[in-house]
Amino acid sequence: AGERCVSTTNRNFVGRMGHVESEVYLASPAIAAASAVAGKIAGPDQ
């Protein structure tokens, strides 16, 4: 509950990856990898 995920998957419906109070943000591998380093949604150029 309350967790957020940037994912390269295809769906971000309520509860798609777990708790109904979690959130999924769909993106490309480039944005996902950059976000993993930044700790927040980010692009490689950031």
ModelCIF file with pLDDT and N, C-alpha, C, O atoms, coordinates in Angstrom:
data_MODEL
#
_entry.id   MODEL 
#
_entity.id                         1 
_entity.type                       polymer 
_entity.pdbx_number_of_molecules   1 
#
_entity_poly.entity_id                      1 
_entity_poly.type                           'polypeptide(L)' 
_entity_poly.nstd_linkage                   no 
_entity_poly.nstd_monomer                   no 
_entity_poly.pdbx_seq_one_letter_code       AGERCVSTTNRNFVGRMGHVESEVYLASPAIAAASAVAGKIAGPDQ 
_entity_poly.pdbx_seq_one_letter_code_can   AGERCVSTTNRNFVGRMGHVESEVYLASPAIAAASAVAGKIAGPDQ 
_entity_poly.pdbx_strand_id                 A 
#
loop_
_entity_poly_seq.entity_id 
_entity_poly_seq.num 
_entity_poly_seq.mon_id 
_entity_poly_seq.hetero 
1 1  ALA n 
1 2  GLY n 
1 3  GLU n 
1 4  ARG n 
1 5  CYS n 
1 6  VAL n 
1 7  SER n 
1 8  THR n 
1 9  THR n 
1 10 ASN n 
1 11 ARG n 
1 12 ASN n 
1 13 PHE n 
1 14 VAL n 
1 15 GLY n 
1 16 ARG n 
1 17 MET n 
1 18 GLY n 
1 19 HIS n 
1 20 VAL n 
1 21 GLU n 
1 22 SER n 
1 23 GLU n 
1 24 VAL n 
1 25 TYR n 
1 26 LEU n 
1 27 ALA n 
1 28 SER n 
1 29 PRO n 
1 30 ALA n 
1 31 ILE n 
1 32 ALA n 
1 33 ALA n 
1 34 ALA n 
1 35 SER n 
1 36 ALA n 
1 37 VAL n 
1 38 ALA n 
1 39 GLY n 
1 40 LYS n 
1 41 ILE n 
1 42 ALA n 
1 43 GLY n 
1 44 PRO n 
1 45 ASP n 
1 46 GLN n 
#
_struct_asym.id          A 
_struct_asym.entity_id   1 
#
loop_
_ma_qa_metric.id 
_ma_qa_metric.mode 
_ma_qa_metric.name 
_ma_qa_metric.software_group_id 
_ma_qa_metric.type 
1 global pLDDT . pLDDT 
2 local  pLDDT . pLDDT 
#
_ma_qa_metric_global.metric_id      1 
_ma_qa_metric_global.metric_value   95.85 
_ma_qa_metric_global.model_id       1 
_ma_qa_metric_global.ordinal_id     1 
#
loop_
_ma_qa_metric_local.label_asym_id 
_ma_qa_metric_local.label_comp_id 
_ma_qa_metric_local.label_seq_id 
_ma_qa_metric_local.metric_id 
_ma_qa_metric_local.metric_value 
_ma_qa_metric_local.model_id 
_ma_qa_metric_local.ordinal_id 
A ALA 1  2 97.00 1 1  
A GLY 2  2 96.00 1 2  
A GLU 3  2 97.00 1 3  
A ARG 4  2 97.00 1 4  
A CYS 5  2 97.00 1 5  
A VAL 6  2 98.00 1 6  
A SER 7  2 97.00 1 7  
A THR 8  2 97.00 1 8  
A THR 9  2 96.00 1 9  
A ASN 10 2 94.00 1 10 
A ARG 11 2 93.00 1 11 
A ASN 12 2 94.00 1 12 
A PHE 13 2 92.00 1 13 
A VAL 14 2 91.00 1 14 
A GLY 15 2 91.00 1 15 
A ARG 16 2 93.00 1 16 
A MET 17 2 91.00 1 17 
A GLY 18 2 92.00 1 18 
A HIS 19 2 95.00 1 19 
A VAL 20 2 95.00 1 20 
A GLU 21 2 96.00 1 21 
A SER 22 2 97.00 1 22 
A GLU 23 2 97.00 1 23 
A VAL 24 2 97.00 1 24 
A TYR 25 2 98.00 1 25 
A LEU 26 2 98.00 1 26 
A ALA 27 2 98.00 1 27 
A SER 28 2 98.00 1 28 
A PRO 29 2 98.00 1 29 
A ALA 30 2 98.00 1 30 
A ILE 31 2 98.00 1 31 
A ALA 32 2 98.00 1 32 
A ALA 33 2 98.00 1 33 
A ALA 34 2 98.00 1 34 
A SER 35 2 98.00 1 35 
A ALA 36 2 98.00 1 36 
A VAL 37 2 98.00 1 37 
A ALA 38 2 97.00 1 38 
A GLY 39 2 96.00 1 39 
A LYS 40 2 97.00 1 40 
A ILE 41 2 97.00 1 41 
A ALA 42 2 97.00 1 42 
A GLY 43 2 95.00 1 43 
A PRO 44 2 96.00 1 44 
A ASP 45 2 91.00 1 45 
A GLN 46 2 89.00 1 46 
#
loop_
_atom_site.group_PDB 
_atom_site.id 
_atom_site.type_symbol 
_atom_site.label_atom_id 
_atom_site.label_alt_id 
_atom_site.label_comp_id 
_atom_site.label_asym_id 
_atom_site.label_entity_id 
_atom_site.label_seq_id 
_atom_site.pdbx_PDB_ins_code 
_atom_site.Cartn_x 
_atom_site.Cartn_y 
_atom_site.Cartn_z 
_atom_site.occupancy 
_atom_site.B_iso_or_equiv 
_atom_site.pdbx_formal_charge 
_atom_site.auth_seq_id 
_atom_site.auth_comp_id 
_atom_site.auth_asym_id 
_atom_site.auth_atom_id 
_atom_site.pdbx_PDB_model_num 
ATOM 1   N N  . ALA A 1 1  ? 0.842  -1.203 0.000   1.00 97.00 ? 1  ALA A N  1 
ATOM 2   C CA . ALA A 1 1  ? 0.000  0.000  0.000   1.00 97.00 ? 1  ALA A CA 1 
ATOM 3   C C  . ALA A 1 1  ? 0.874  1.248  0.000   1.00 97.00 ? 1  ALA A C  1 
ATOM 4   O O  . ALA A 1 1  ? 1.830  1.353  0.768   1.00 97.00 ? 1  ALA A O  1 
ATOM 5   N N  . GLY A 1 2  ? 0.533  2.185  -0.867  1.00 96.00 ? 2  GLY A N  1 
ATOM 6   C CA . GLY A 1 2  ? 1.243  3.451  -0.914  1.00 96.00 ? 2  GLY A CA 1 
ATOM 7   C C  . GLY A 1 2  ? 2.506  3.461  -1.751  1.00 96.00 ? 2  GLY A C  1 
ATOM 8   O O  . GLY A 1 2  ? 3.095  4.522  -1.954  1.00 96.00 ? 2  GLY A O  1 
ATOM 9   N N  . GLU A 1 3  ? 2.941  2.300  -2.248  1.00 97.00 ? 3  GLU A N  1 
ATOM 10  C CA . GLU A 1 3  ? 4.175  2.251  -3.036  1.00 97.00 ? 3  GLU A CA 1 
ATOM 11  C C  . GLU A 1 3  ? 3.916  2.611  -4.492  1.00 97.00 ? 3  GLU A C  1 
ATOM 12  O O  . GLU A 1 3  ? 2.833  2.394  -5.035  1.00 97.00 ? 3  GLU A O  1 
ATOM 13  N N  . ARG A 1 4  ? 4.956  3.169  -5.098  1.00 97.00 ? 4  ARG A N  1 
ATOM 14  C CA . ARG A 1 4  ? 4.896  3.563  -6.499  1.00 97.00 ? 4  ARG A CA 1 
ATOM 15  C C  . ARG A 1 4  ? 5.970  2.821  -7.287  1.00 97.00 ? 4  ARG A C  1 
ATOM 16  O O  . ARG A 1 4  ? 7.088  2.616  -6.814  1.00 97.00 ? 4  ARG A O  1 
ATOM 17  N N  . CYS A 1 5  ? 5.595  2.423  -8.509  1.00 97.00 ? 5  CYS A N  1 
ATOM 18  C CA . CYS A 1 5  ? 6.535  1.688  -9.360  1.00 97.00 ? 5  CYS A CA 1 
ATOM 19  C C  . CYS A 1 5  ? 6.542  2.273  -10.766 1.00 97.00 ? 5  CYS A C  1 
ATOM 20  O O  . CYS A 1 5  ? 5.484  2.500  -11.353 1.00 97.00 ? 5  CYS A O  1 
ATOM 21  N N  . VAL A 1 6  ? 7.722  2.516  -11.301 1.00 98.00 ? 6  VAL A N  1 
ATOM 22  C CA . VAL A 1 6  ? 7.875  2.792  -12.725 1.00 98.00 ? 6  VAL A CA 1 
ATOM 23  C C  . VAL A 1 6  ? 8.153  1.460  -13.407 1.00 98.00 ? 6  VAL A C  1 
ATOM 24  O O  . VAL A 1 6  ? 9.100  0.757  -13.053 1.00 98.00 ? 6  VAL A O  1 
ATOM 25  N N  . SER A 1 7  ? 7.323  1.121  -14.385 1.00 97.00 ? 7  SER A N  1 
ATOM 26  C CA . SER A 1 7  ? 7.404  -0.209 -14.975 1.00 97.00 ? 7  SER A CA 1 
ATOM 27  C C  . SER A 1 7  ? 7.335  -0.141 -16.494 1.00 97.00 ? 7  SER A C  1 
ATOM 28  O O  . SER A 1 7  ? 6.641  0.706  -17.056 1.00 97.00 ? 7  SER A O  1 
ATOM 29  N N  . THR A 1 8  ? 8.059  -1.036 -17.149 1.00 97.00 ? 8  THR A N  1 
ATOM 30  C CA . THR A 1 8  ? 8.016  -1.118 -18.615 1.00 97.00 ? 8  THR A CA 1 
ATOM 31  C C  . THR A 1 8  ? 6.924  -2.070 -19.087 1.00 97.00 ? 8  THR A C  1 
ATOM 32  O O  . THR A 1 8  ? 6.907  -2.463 -20.253 1.00 97.00 ? 8  THR A O  1 
ATOM 33  N N  . THR A 1 9  ? 6.013  -2.445 -18.192 1.00 96.00 ? 9  THR A N  1 
ATOM 34  C CA . THR A 1 9  ? 4.930  -3.359 -18.530 1.00 96.00 ? 9  THR A CA 1 
ATOM 35  C C  . THR A 1 9  ? 3.836  -2.610 -19.293 1.00 96.00 ? 9  THR A C  1 
ATOM 36  O O  . THR A 1 9  ? 4.066  -1.500 -19.773 1.00 96.00 ? 9  THR A O  1 
ATOM 37  N N  . ASN A 1 10 ? 2.660  -3.205 -19.407 1.00 94.00 ? 10 ASN A N  1 
ATOM 38  C CA . ASN A 1 10 ? 1.639  -2.665 -20.308 1.00 94.00 ? 10 ASN A CA 1 
ATOM 39  C C  . ASN A 1 10 ? 0.364  -2.164 -19.645 1.00 94.00 ? 10 ASN A C  1 
ATOM 40  O O  . ASN A 1 10 ? -0.468 -1.541 -20.305 1.00 94.00 ? 10 ASN A O  1 
ATOM 41  N N  . ARG A 1 11 ? 0.195  -2.424 -18.358 1.00 93.00 ? 11 ARG A N  1 
ATOM 42  C CA . ARG A 1 11 ? -1.046 -2.008 -17.697 1.00 93.00 ? 11 ARG A CA 1 
ATOM 43  C C  . ARG A 1 11 ? -0.745 -1.418 -16.328 1.00 93.00 ? 11 ARG A C  1 
ATOM 44  O O  . ARG A 1 11 ? 0.161  -1.863 -15.624 1.00 93.00 ? 11 ARG A O  1 
ATOM 45  N N  . ASN A 1 12 ? -1.525 -0.409 -15.968 1.00 94.00 ? 12 ASN A N  1 
ATOM 46  C CA . ASN A 1 12 ? -1.336 0.243  -14.671 1.00 94.00 ? 12 ASN A CA 1 
ATOM 47  C C  . ASN A 1 12 ? -2.668 0.461  -13.960 1.00 94.00 ? 12 ASN A C  1 
ATOM 48  O O  . ASN A 1 12 ? -2.871 1.465  -13.278 1.00 94.00 ? 12 ASN A O  1 
ATOM 49  N N  . PHE A 1 13 ? -3.573 -0.510 -14.136 1.00 92.00 ? 13 PHE A N  1 
ATOM 50  C CA . PHE A 1 13 ? -4.882 -0.437 -13.497 1.00 92.00 ? 13 PHE A CA 1 
ATOM 51  C C  . PHE A 1 13 ? -4.742 -0.463 -11.972 1.00 92.00 ? 13 PHE A C  1 
ATOM 52  O O  . PHE A 1 13 ? -3.680 -0.789 -11.442 1.00 92.00 ? 13 PHE A O  1 
ATOM 53  N N  . VAL A 1 14 ? -5.812 -0.121 -11.288 1.00 91.00 ? 14 VAL A N  1 
ATOM 54  C CA . VAL A 1 14 ? -5.824 -0.167 -9.826  1.00 91.00 ? 14 VAL A CA 1 
ATOM 55  C C  . VAL A 1 14 ? -5.495 -1.593 -9.368  1.00 91.00 ? 14 VAL A C  1 
ATOM 56  O O  . VAL A 1 14 ? -6.154 -2.547 -9.782  1.00 91.00 ? 14 VAL A O  1 
ATOM 57  N N  . GLY A 1 15 ? -4.486 -1.733 -8.521  1.00 91.00 ? 15 GLY A N  1 
ATOM 58  C CA . GLY A 1 15 ? -4.111 -3.038 -7.988  1.00 91.00 ? 15 GLY A CA 1 
ATOM 59  C C  . GLY A 1 15 ? -3.400 -3.953 -8.959  1.00 91.00 ? 15 GLY A C  1 
ATOM 60  O O  . GLY A 1 15 ? -3.218 -5.133 -8.659  1.00 91.00 ? 15 GLY A O  1 
ATOM 61  N N  . ARG A 1 16 ? -2.999 -3.462 -10.092 1.00 93.00 ? 16 ARG A N  1 
ATOM 62  C CA . ARG A 1 16 ? -2.393 -4.311 -11.125 1.00 93.00 ? 16 ARG A CA 1 
ATOM 63  C C  . ARG A 1 16 ? -1.138 -5.037 -10.633 1.00 93.00 ? 16 ARG A C  1 
ATOM 64  O O  . ARG A 1 16 ? -0.931 -6.205 -10.960 1.00 93.00 ? 16 ARG A O  1 
ATOM 65  N N  . MET A 1 17 ? -0.293 -4.346 -9.843  1.00 91.00 ? 17 MET A N  1 
ATOM 66  C CA . MET A 1 17 ? 0.956  -4.956 -9.402  1.00 91.00 ? 17 MET A CA 1 
ATOM 67  C C  . MET A 1 17 ? 0.971  -5.207 -7.900  1.00 91.00 ? 17 MET A C  1 
ATOM 68  O O  . MET A 1 17 ? 2.033  -5.399 -7.307  1.00 91.00 ? 17 MET A O  1 
ATOM 69  N N  . GLY A 1 18 ? -0.194 -5.204 -7.296  1.00 92.00 ? 18 GLY A N  1 
ATOM 70  C CA . GLY A 1 18 ? -0.221 -5.453 -5.856  1.00 92.00 ? 18 GLY A CA 1 
ATOM 71  C C  . GLY A 1 18 ? -1.380 -4.756 -5.182  1.00 92.00 ? 18 GLY A C  1 
ATOM 72  O O  . GLY A 1 18 ? -2.517 -4.842 -5.645  1.00 92.00 ? 18 GLY A O  1 
ATOM 73  N N  . HIS A 1 19 ? -1.105 -4.076 -4.108  1.00 95.00 ? 19 HIS A N  1 
ATOM 74  C CA . HIS A 1 19 ? -2.146 -3.451 -3.294  1.00 95.00 ? 19 HIS A CA 1 
ATOM 75  C C  . HIS A 1 19 ? -2.932 -2.419 -4.107  1.00 95.00 ? 19 HIS A C  1 
ATOM 76  O O  . HIS A 1 19 ? -2.378 -1.735 -4.968  1.00 95.00 ? 19 HIS A O  1 
ATOM 77  N N  . VAL A 1 20 ? -4.235 -2.321 -3.818  1.00 95.00 ? 20 VAL A N  1 
ATOM 78  C CA . VAL A 1 20 ? -5.084 -1.381 -4.550  1.00 95.00 ? 20 VAL A CA 1 
ATOM 79  C C  . VAL A 1 20 ? -4.687 0.073  -4.297  1.00 95.00 ? 20 VAL A C  1 
ATOM 80  O O  . VAL A 1 20 ? -5.076 0.966  -5.050  1.00 95.00 ? 20 VAL A O  1 
ATOM 81  N N  . GLU A 1 21 ? -3.916 0.307  -3.244  1.00 96.00 ? 21 GLU A N  1 
ATOM 82  C CA . GLU A 1 21 ? -3.459 1.665  -2.957  1.00 96.00 ? 21 GLU A CA 1 
ATOM 83  C C  . GLU A 1 21 ? -2.025 1.912  -3.452  1.00 96.00 ? 21 GLU A C  1 
ATOM 84  O O  . GLU A 1 21 ? -1.406 2.914  -3.096  1.00 96.00 ? 21 GLU A O  1 
ATOM 85  N N  . SER A 1 22 ? -1.510 0.997  -4.267  1.00 97.00 ? 22 SER A N  1 
ATOM 86  C CA . SER A 1 22 ? -0.212 1.224  -4.914  1.00 97.00 ? 22 SER A CA 1 
ATOM 87  C C  . SER A 1 22 ? -0.445 1.883  -6.270  1.00 97.00 ? 22 SER A C  1 
ATOM 88  O O  . SER A 1 22 ? -1.575 1.945  -6.755  1.00 97.00 ? 22 SER A O  1 
ATOM 89  N N  . GLU A 1 23 ? 0.638  2.374  -6.878  1.00 97.00 ? 23 GLU A N  1 
ATOM 90  C CA . GLU A 1 23 ? 0.536  3.062  -8.156  1.00 97.00 ? 23 GLU A CA 1 
ATOM 91  C C  . GLU A 1 23 ? 1.603  2.549  -9.125  1.00 97.00 ? 23 GLU A C  1 
ATOM 92  O O  . GLU A 1 23 ? 2.737  2.269  -8.735  1.00 97.00 ? 23 GLU A O  1 
ATOM 93  N N  . VAL A 1 24 ? 1.211  2.434  -10.399 1.00 97.00 ? 24 VAL A N  1 
ATOM 94  C CA . VAL A 1 24 ? 2.132  1.991  -11.446 1.00 97.00 ? 24 VAL A CA 1 
ATOM 95  C C  . VAL A 1 24 ? 2.198  3.057  -12.534 1.00 97.00 ? 24 VAL A C  1 
ATOM 96  O O  . VAL A 1 24 ? 1.174  3.535  -13.022 1.00 97.00 ? 24 VAL A O  1 
ATOM 97  N N  . TYR A 1 25 ? 3.413  3.415  -12.900 1.00 98.00 ? 25 TYR A N  1 
ATOM 98  C CA . TYR A 1 25 ? 3.675  4.397  -13.951 1.00 98.00 ? 25 TYR A CA 1 
ATOM 99  C C  . TYR A 1 25 ? 4.359  3.668  -15.104 1.00 98.00 ? 25 TYR A C  1 
ATOM 100 O O  . TYR A 1 25 ? 5.442  3.110  -14.924 1.00 98.00 ? 25 TYR A O  1 
ATOM 101 N N  . LEU A 1 26 ? 3.750  3.664  -16.274 1.00 98.00 ? 26 LEU A N  1 
ATOM 102 C CA . LEU A 1 26 ? 4.298  2.940  -17.416 1.00 98.00 ? 26 LEU A CA 1 
ATOM 103 C C  . LEU A 1 26 ? 5.274  3.816  -18.184 1.00 98.00 ? 26 LEU A C  1 
ATOM 104 O O  . LEU A 1 26 ? 5.014  4.997  -18.413 1.00 98.00 ? 26 LEU A O  1 
ATOM 105 N N  . ALA A 1 27 ? 6.396  3.234  -18.580 1.00 98.00 ? 27 ALA A N  1 
ATOM 106 C CA . ALA A 1 27 ? 7.429  3.997  -19.283 1.00 98.00 ? 27 ALA A CA 1 
ATOM 107 C C  . ALA A 1 27 ? 8.312  3.051  -20.084 1.00 98.00 ? 27 ALA A C  1 
ATOM 108 O O  . ALA A 1 27 ? 8.161  1.831  -20.013 1.00 98.00 ? 27 ALA A O  1 
ATOM 109 N N  . SER A 1 28 ? 9.221  3.619  -20.838 1.00 98.00 ? 28 SER A N  1 
ATOM 110 C CA . SER A 1 28 ? 10.197 2.855  -21.626 1.00 98.00 ? 28 SER A CA 1 
ATOM 111 C C  . SER A 1 28 ? 11.331 2.373  -20.740 1.00 98.00 ? 28 SER A C  1 
ATOM 112 O O  . SER A 1 28 ? 11.468 2.843  -19.610 1.00 98.00 ? 28 SER A O  1 
ATOM 113 N N  . PRO A 1 29 ? 12.156 1.438  -21.230 1.00 98.00 ? 29 PRO A N  1 
ATOM 114 C CA . PRO A 1 29 ? 13.329 1.018  -20.463 1.00 98.00 ? 29 PRO A CA 1 
ATOM 115 C C  . PRO A 1 29 ? 14.276 2.168  -20.139 1.00 98.00 ? 29 PRO A C  1 
ATOM 116 O O  . PRO A 1 29 ? 14.887 2.171  -19.071 1.00 98.00 ? 29 PRO A O  1 
ATOM 117 N N  . ALA A 1 30 ? 14.413 3.140  -21.030 1.00 98.00 ? 30 ALA A N  1 
ATOM 118 C CA . ALA A 1 30 ? 15.313 4.272  -20.778 1.00 98.00 ? 30 ALA A CA 1 
ATOM 119 C C  . ALA A 1 30 ? 14.840 5.094  -19.596 1.00 98.00 ? 30 ALA A C  1 
ATOM 120 O O  . ALA A 1 30 ? 15.628 5.437  -18.715 1.00 98.00 ? 30 ALA A O  1 
ATOM 121 N N  . ILE A 1 31 ? 13.553 5.410  -19.574 1.00 98.00 ? 31 ILE A N  1 
ATOM 122 C CA . ILE A 1 31 ? 12.997 6.202  -18.473 1.00 98.00 ? 31 ILE A CA 1 
ATOM 123 C C  . ILE A 1 31 ? 13.005 5.390  -17.185 1.00 98.00 ? 31 ILE A C  1 
ATOM 124 O O  . ILE A 1 31 ? 13.293 5.922  -16.113 1.00 98.00 ? 31 ILE A O  1 
ATOM 125 N N  . ALA A 1 32 ? 12.688 4.093  -17.288 1.00 98.00 ? 32 ALA A N  1 
ATOM 126 C CA . ALA A 1 32 ? 12.673 3.240  -16.093 1.00 98.00 ? 32 ALA A CA 1 
ATOM 127 C C  . ALA A 1 32 ? 14.067 3.151  -15.478 1.00 98.00 ? 32 ALA A C  1 
ATOM 128 O O  . ALA A 1 32 ? 14.212 3.265  -14.261 1.00 98.00 ? 32 ALA A O  1 
ATOM 129 N N  . ALA A 1 33 ? 15.091 2.952  -16.302 1.00 98.00 ? 33 ALA A N  1 
ATOM 130 C CA . ALA A 1 33 ? 16.463 2.831  -15.792 1.00 98.00 ? 33 ALA A CA 1 
ATOM 131 C C  . ALA A 1 33 ? 16.932 4.144  -15.176 1.00 98.00 ? 33 ALA A C  1 
ATOM 132 O O  . ALA A 1 33 ? 17.547 4.148  -14.109 1.00 98.00 ? 33 ALA A O  1 
ATOM 133 N N  . ALA A 1 34 ? 16.648 5.246  -15.838 1.00 98.00 ? 34 ALA A N  1 
ATOM 134 C CA . ALA A 1 34 ? 17.038 6.546  -15.293 1.00 98.00 ? 34 ALA A CA 1 
ATOM 135 C C  . ALA A 1 34 ? 16.317 6.821  -13.981 1.00 98.00 ? 34 ALA A C  1 
ATOM 136 O O  . ALA A 1 34 ? 16.900 7.376  -13.049 1.00 98.00 ? 34 ALA A O  1 
ATOM 137 N N  . SER A 1 35 ? 15.057 6.435  -13.911 1.00 98.00 ? 35 SER A N  1 
ATOM 138 C CA . SER A 1 35 ? 14.282 6.635  -12.686 1.00 98.00 ? 35 SER A CA 1 
ATOM 139 C C  . SER A 1 35 ? 14.827 5.785  -11.546 1.00 98.00 ? 35 SER A C  1 
ATOM 140 O O  . SER A 1 35 ? 14.804 6.200  -10.388 1.00 98.00 ? 35 SER A O  1 
ATOM 141 N N  . ALA A 1 36 ? 15.321 4.585  -11.882 1.00 98.00 ? 36 ALA A N  1 
ATOM 142 C CA . ALA A 1 36 ? 15.895 3.708  -10.857 1.00 98.00 ? 36 ALA A CA 1 
ATOM 143 C C  . ALA A 1 36 ? 17.128 4.347  -10.221 1.00 98.00 ? 36 ALA A C  1 
ATOM 144 O O  . ALA A 1 36 ? 17.381 4.153  -9.032  1.00 98.00 ? 36 ALA A O  1 
ATOM 145 N N  . VAL A 1 37 ? 17.884 5.095  -10.993 1.00 98.00 ? 37 VAL A N  1 
ATOM 146 C CA . VAL A 1 37 ? 19.071 5.780  -10.470 1.00 98.00 ? 37 VAL A CA 1 
ATOM 147 C C  . VAL A 1 37 ? 18.672 7.031  -9.684  1.00 98.00 ? 37 VAL A C  1 
ATOM 148 O O  . VAL A 1 37 ? 19.223 7.317  -8.621  1.00 98.00 ? 37 VAL A O  1 
ATOM 149 N N  . ALA A 1 38 ? 17.711 7.762  -10.227 1.00 97.00 ? 38 ALA A N  1 
ATOM 150 C CA . ALA A 1 38 ? 17.328 9.036  -9.619  1.00 97.00 ? 38 ALA A CA 1 
ATOM 151 C C  . ALA A 1 38 ? 16.458 8.872  -8.376  1.00 97.00 ? 38 ALA A C  1 
ATOM 152 O O  . ALA A 1 38 ? 16.427 9.756  -7.520  1.00 97.00 ? 38 ALA A O  1 
ATOM 153 N N  . GLY A 1 39 ? 15.751 7.743  -8.273  1.00 96.00 ? 39 GLY A N  1 
ATOM 154 C CA . GLY A 1 39 ? 14.830 7.551  -7.155  1.00 96.00 ? 39 GLY A CA 1 
ATOM 155 C C  . GLY A 1 39 ? 13.493 8.231  -7.372  1.00 96.00 ? 39 GLY A C  1 
ATOM 156 O O  . GLY A 1 39 ? 12.652 8.271  -6.474  1.00 96.00 ? 39 GLY A O  1 
ATOM 157 N N  . LYS A 1 40 ? 13.300 8.761  -8.562  1.00 97.00 ? 40 LYS A N  1 
ATOM 158 C CA . LYS A 1 40 ? 12.053 9.420  -8.939  1.00 97.00 ? 40 LYS A CA 1 
ATOM 159 C C  . LYS A 1 40 ? 11.948 9.374  -10.458 1.00 97.00 ? 40 LYS A C  1 
ATOM 160 O O  . LYS A 1 40 ? 12.917 9.038  -11.139 1.00 97.00 ? 40 LYS A O  1 
ATOM 161 N N  . ILE A 1 41 ? 10.797 9.706  -10.982 1.00 97.00 ? 41 ILE A N  1 
ATOM 162 C CA . ILE A 1 41 ? 10.641 9.698  -12.433 1.00 97.00 ? 41 ILE A CA 1 
ATOM 163 C C  . ILE A 1 41 ? 11.623 10.690 -13.050 1.00 97.00 ? 41 ILE A C  1 
ATOM 164 O O  . ILE A 1 41 ? 11.631 11.876 -12.719 1.00 97.00 ? 41 ILE A O  1 
ATOM 165 N N  . ALA A 1 42 ? 12.459 10.162 -13.969 1.00 97.00 ? 42 ALA A N  1 
ATOM 166 C CA . ALA A 1 42 ? 13.503 11.001 -14.574 1.00 97.00 ? 42 ALA A CA 1 
ATOM 167 C C  . ALA A 1 42 ? 13.909 10.404 -15.920 1.00 97.00 ? 42 ALA A C  1 
ATOM 168 O O  . ALA A 1 42 ? 13.697 9.219  -16.179 1.00 97.00 ? 42 ALA A O  1 
ATOM 169 N N  . GLY A 1 43 ? 14.483 11.227 -16.752 1.00 95.00 ? 43 GLY A N  1 
ATOM 170 C CA . GLY A 1 43 ? 15.039 10.780 -18.011 1.00 95.00 ? 43 GLY A CA 1 
ATOM 171 C C  . GLY A 1 43 ? 16.546 10.687 -17.933 1.00 95.00 ? 43 GLY A C  1 
ATOM 172 O O  . GLY A 1 43 ? 17.145 11.250 -17.016 1.00 95.00 ? 43 GLY A O  1 
ATOM 173 N N  . PRO A 1 44 ? 17.181 9.991  -18.867 1.00 96.00 ? 44 PRO A N  1 
ATOM 174 C CA . PRO A 1 44 ? 18.648 9.851  -18.853 1.00 96.00 ? 44 PRO A CA 1 
ATOM 175 C C  . PRO A 1 44 ? 19.387 11.181 -18.842 1.00 96.00 ? 44 PRO A C  1 
ATOM 176 O O  . PRO A 1 44 ? 20.459 11.294 -18.246 1.00 96.00 ? 44 PRO A O  1 
ATOM 177 N N  . ASP A 1 45 ? 18.822 12.180 -19.495 1.00 91.00 ? 45 ASP A N  1 
ATOM 178 C CA . ASP A 1 45 ? 19.479 13.472 -19.570 1.00 91.00 ? 45 ASP A CA 1 
ATOM 179 C C  . ASP A 1 45 ? 19.421 14.250 -18.240 1.00 91.00 ? 45 ASP A C  1 
ATOM 180 O O  . ASP A 1 45 ? 20.061 15.290 -18.089 1.00 91.00 ? 45 ASP A O  1 
ATOM 181 N N  . GLN A 1 46 ? 18.644 13.725 -17.287 1.00 89.00 ? 46 GLN A N  1 
ATOM 182 C CA . GLN A 1 46 ? 18.517 14.398 -15.990 1.00 89.00 ? 46 GLN A CA 1 
ATOM 183 C C  . GLN A 1 46 ? 19.472 13.799 -14.946 1.00 89.00 ? 46 GLN A C  1 
ATOM 184 O O  . GLN A 1 46 ? 19.494 14.248 -13.800 1.00 89.00 ? 46 GLN A O  1 
#
